[in-house]
Structures are given as structure tokens and as C-alpha cells.
Amino acid sequence: MKMDLIEDKDCYLIHADVPGFKKDEIQLNIKDGMLTLTGEHHQSKEERDPDRKYHRIERSSGSLHRSIRLPDSVKQDEISASCEHGLLKIVLPKDERLENKKQRAITIE
């Protein structure tokens, strides 16, 4: 699965390719600062042509699993996601107070 992590001034964005997956086949979970994306789908299609007397079965299945460590400045309770046309978009809002605590000058003595 191709996944892009993009940083904006207000948030981080994750774009993940999930072709063939419906949004109810994908789960997002956060635990101990890790965002985990998992999904699984199974599809089968059966067609019969009575004139030719053959039987055709098509099956496809897939699964995905990906974990990434979230930056400390992410507001975990405000994360949102959407899935459309095989593209999963996850928005990870930043907390400026936490972002500023990460960066500081260190005095050399």
C-alpha cells in the first residue's frame, strides 16, 4: 500500500491507496502513540451462461496492515478520516502548544 505523510501548517495529512476496499472494511486504531491501519476484504462473483454450459467463478481478496508512530504534537482526539475512490485520507490536527514544546533552544554552559 502506498502511503504519503504530508505536513501542513495546521495538520499532518496521510494519503493511503486502498484500491478495492470499502470504508467499512478498513479499521484505524491508536494505541501508545501508534496509528494502525488494517483492512481485509473478500469478494466472489459467480456467473453462469446456460447456452455455453460453462461455469466461471472469480474471486479476489486482499488485506493490508500499516503502522506509523504519530508525532507528539498530534491532537489524537481530533483525528478524522475519509475514504473515497480507493484513497484513504487521514487528517491529524496539530496542537501548537505541544509543537512549541518540542522545539527549544539549549543553553551551552
Protein backbone atom coordinates (compact mmCIF):
# COMPACT_ATOMS: atom_id res chain seq x y z
CA MET A 1 0.00 0.00 0.00
CA LYS A 2 1.37 3.37 -0.97
CA MET A 3 1.17 5.87 1.87
CA ASP A 4 2.16 9.54 1.87
CA LEU A 5 2.67 11.63 5.02
CA ILE A 6 2.38 15.35 4.37
CA GLU A 7 2.91 18.17 6.85
CA ASP A 8 0.81 21.31 6.62
CA LYS A 9 0.96 24.33 8.95
CA ASP A 10 -2.13 23.14 10.89
CA CYS A 11 -2.02 19.38 10.49
CA TYR A 12 -0.39 16.27 9.12
CA LEU A 13 -2.14 14.50 6.25
CA ILE A 14 -1.91 10.83 5.40
CA HIS A 15 -2.98 9.65 1.96
CA ALA A 16 -3.09 5.87 1.58
CA ASP A 17 -4.04 3.94 -1.56
CA VAL A 18 -6.61 1.28 -0.68
CA PRO A 19 -7.99 0.18 -4.07
CA GLY A 20 -10.84 -2.30 -3.90
CA PHE A 21 -11.51 -1.66 -0.20
CA LYS A 22 -14.75 -0.18 1.08
CA LYS A 23 -14.63 2.13 4.09
CA ASP A 24 -16.32 -0.47 6.31
CA GLU A 25 -13.51 -2.94 5.50
CA ILE A 26 -10.83 -0.60 6.94
CA GLN A 27 -10.06 -0.02 10.62
CA LEU A 28 -7.97 2.77 12.15
CA ASN A 29 -6.75 2.44 15.74
CA ILE A 30 -4.46 4.44 18.00
CA LYS A 31 -2.54 2.81 20.83
CA ASP A 32 0.56 4.07 22.63
CA GLY A 33 1.17 6.79 20.04
CA MET A 34 0.94 4.40 17.08
CA LEU A 35 -1.66 4.75 14.33
CA THR A 36 -2.50 1.36 12.85
CA LEU A 37 -4.41 0.89 9.62
CA THR A 38 -5.76 -2.59 8.88
CA GLY A 39 -8.18 -3.91 6.33
CA GLU A 40 -9.42 -7.10 4.77
CA HIS A 41 -11.86 -7.86 2.00
CA HIS A 42 -13.12 -10.90 0.15
CA GLN A 43 -15.16 -10.84 -3.00
CA SER A 44 -16.51 -13.61 -5.17
CA LYS A 45 -18.62 -13.45 -8.30
CA GLU A 46 -20.31 -16.38 -9.94
CA GLU A 47 -21.71 -16.26 -13.47
CA ARG A 48 -23.43 -18.98 -15.45
CA ASP A 49 -24.16 -18.94 -19.17
CA PRO A 50 -26.78 -21.60 -19.90
CA ASP A 51 -26.12 -21.51 -23.67
CA ARG A 52 -22.44 -22.41 -23.36
CA LYS A 53 -22.74 -24.66 -20.34
CA TYR A 54 -19.65 -23.43 -18.59
CA HIS A 55 -19.15 -22.22 -15.11
CA ARG A 56 -16.92 -19.32 -14.15
CA ILE A 57 -16.01 -18.16 -10.66
CA GLU A 58 -13.97 -15.07 -9.96
CA ARG A 59 -12.54 -14.38 -6.52
CA SER A 60 -10.41 -11.68 -5.12
CA SER A 61 -9.22 -10.99 -1.63
CA GLY A 62 -6.78 -8.68 -0.01
CA SER A 63 -5.51 -7.45 3.28
CA LEU A 64 -3.42 -4.56 4.44
CA HIS A 65 -1.64 -3.58 7.61
CA ARG A 66 0.41 -0.49 8.27
CA SER A 67 1.53 1.26 11.46
CA ILE A 68 3.19 4.63 11.92
CA ARG A 69 4.30 6.48 15.03
CA LEU A 70 2.39 9.71 15.48
CA PRO A 71 4.26 12.94 16.19
CA ASP A 72 3.86 14.15 19.78
CA SER A 73 2.12 17.31 18.58
CA VAL A 74 -0.93 15.47 17.15
CA LYS A 75 -4.30 16.07 18.81
CA GLN A 76 -5.24 12.40 18.93
CA ASP A 77 -8.86 13.01 19.93
CA GLU A 78 -9.47 15.17 16.82
CA ILE A 79 -8.17 12.80 14.12
CA SER A 80 -10.59 12.34 11.22
CA ALA A 81 -10.62 10.12 8.15
CA SER A 82 -12.49 9.66 4.88
CA CYS A 83 -12.31 7.09 2.12
CA GLU A 84 -13.37 7.70 -1.47
CA HIS A 85 -12.45 6.10 -4.79
CA GLY A 86 -9.73 3.92 -3.27
CA LEU A 87 -7.99 6.79 -1.44
CA LEU A 88 -7.99 6.94 2.35
CA LYS A 89 -7.38 10.45 3.72
CA ILE A 90 -6.49 10.88 7.38
CA VAL A 91 -6.22 14.34 8.98
CA LEU A 92 -4.03 14.62 12.08
CA PRO A 93 -4.51 18.11 13.60
CA LYS A 94 -1.52 19.69 15.34
CA ASP A 95 -1.56 21.20 18.81
CA GLU A 96 0.66 24.27 18.60
CA ARG A 97 1.36 24.18 22.34
CA LEU A 98 2.86 20.71 22.02
CA GLU A 99 4.67 21.64 18.80
CA ASN A 100 6.37 24.60 20.51
CA LYS A 101 7.44 22.45 23.47
CA LYS A 102 9.25 20.12 21.08
CA GLN A 103 11.49 22.90 19.83
CA ARG A 104 13.57 24.92 22.19
CA ALA A 105 16.99 26.43 22.42
CA ILE A 106 19.53 24.74 24.67
CA THR A 107 21.98 26.89 26.55
CA ILE A 108 25.58 25.74 26.39
CA GLU A 109 27.46 26.22 29.64
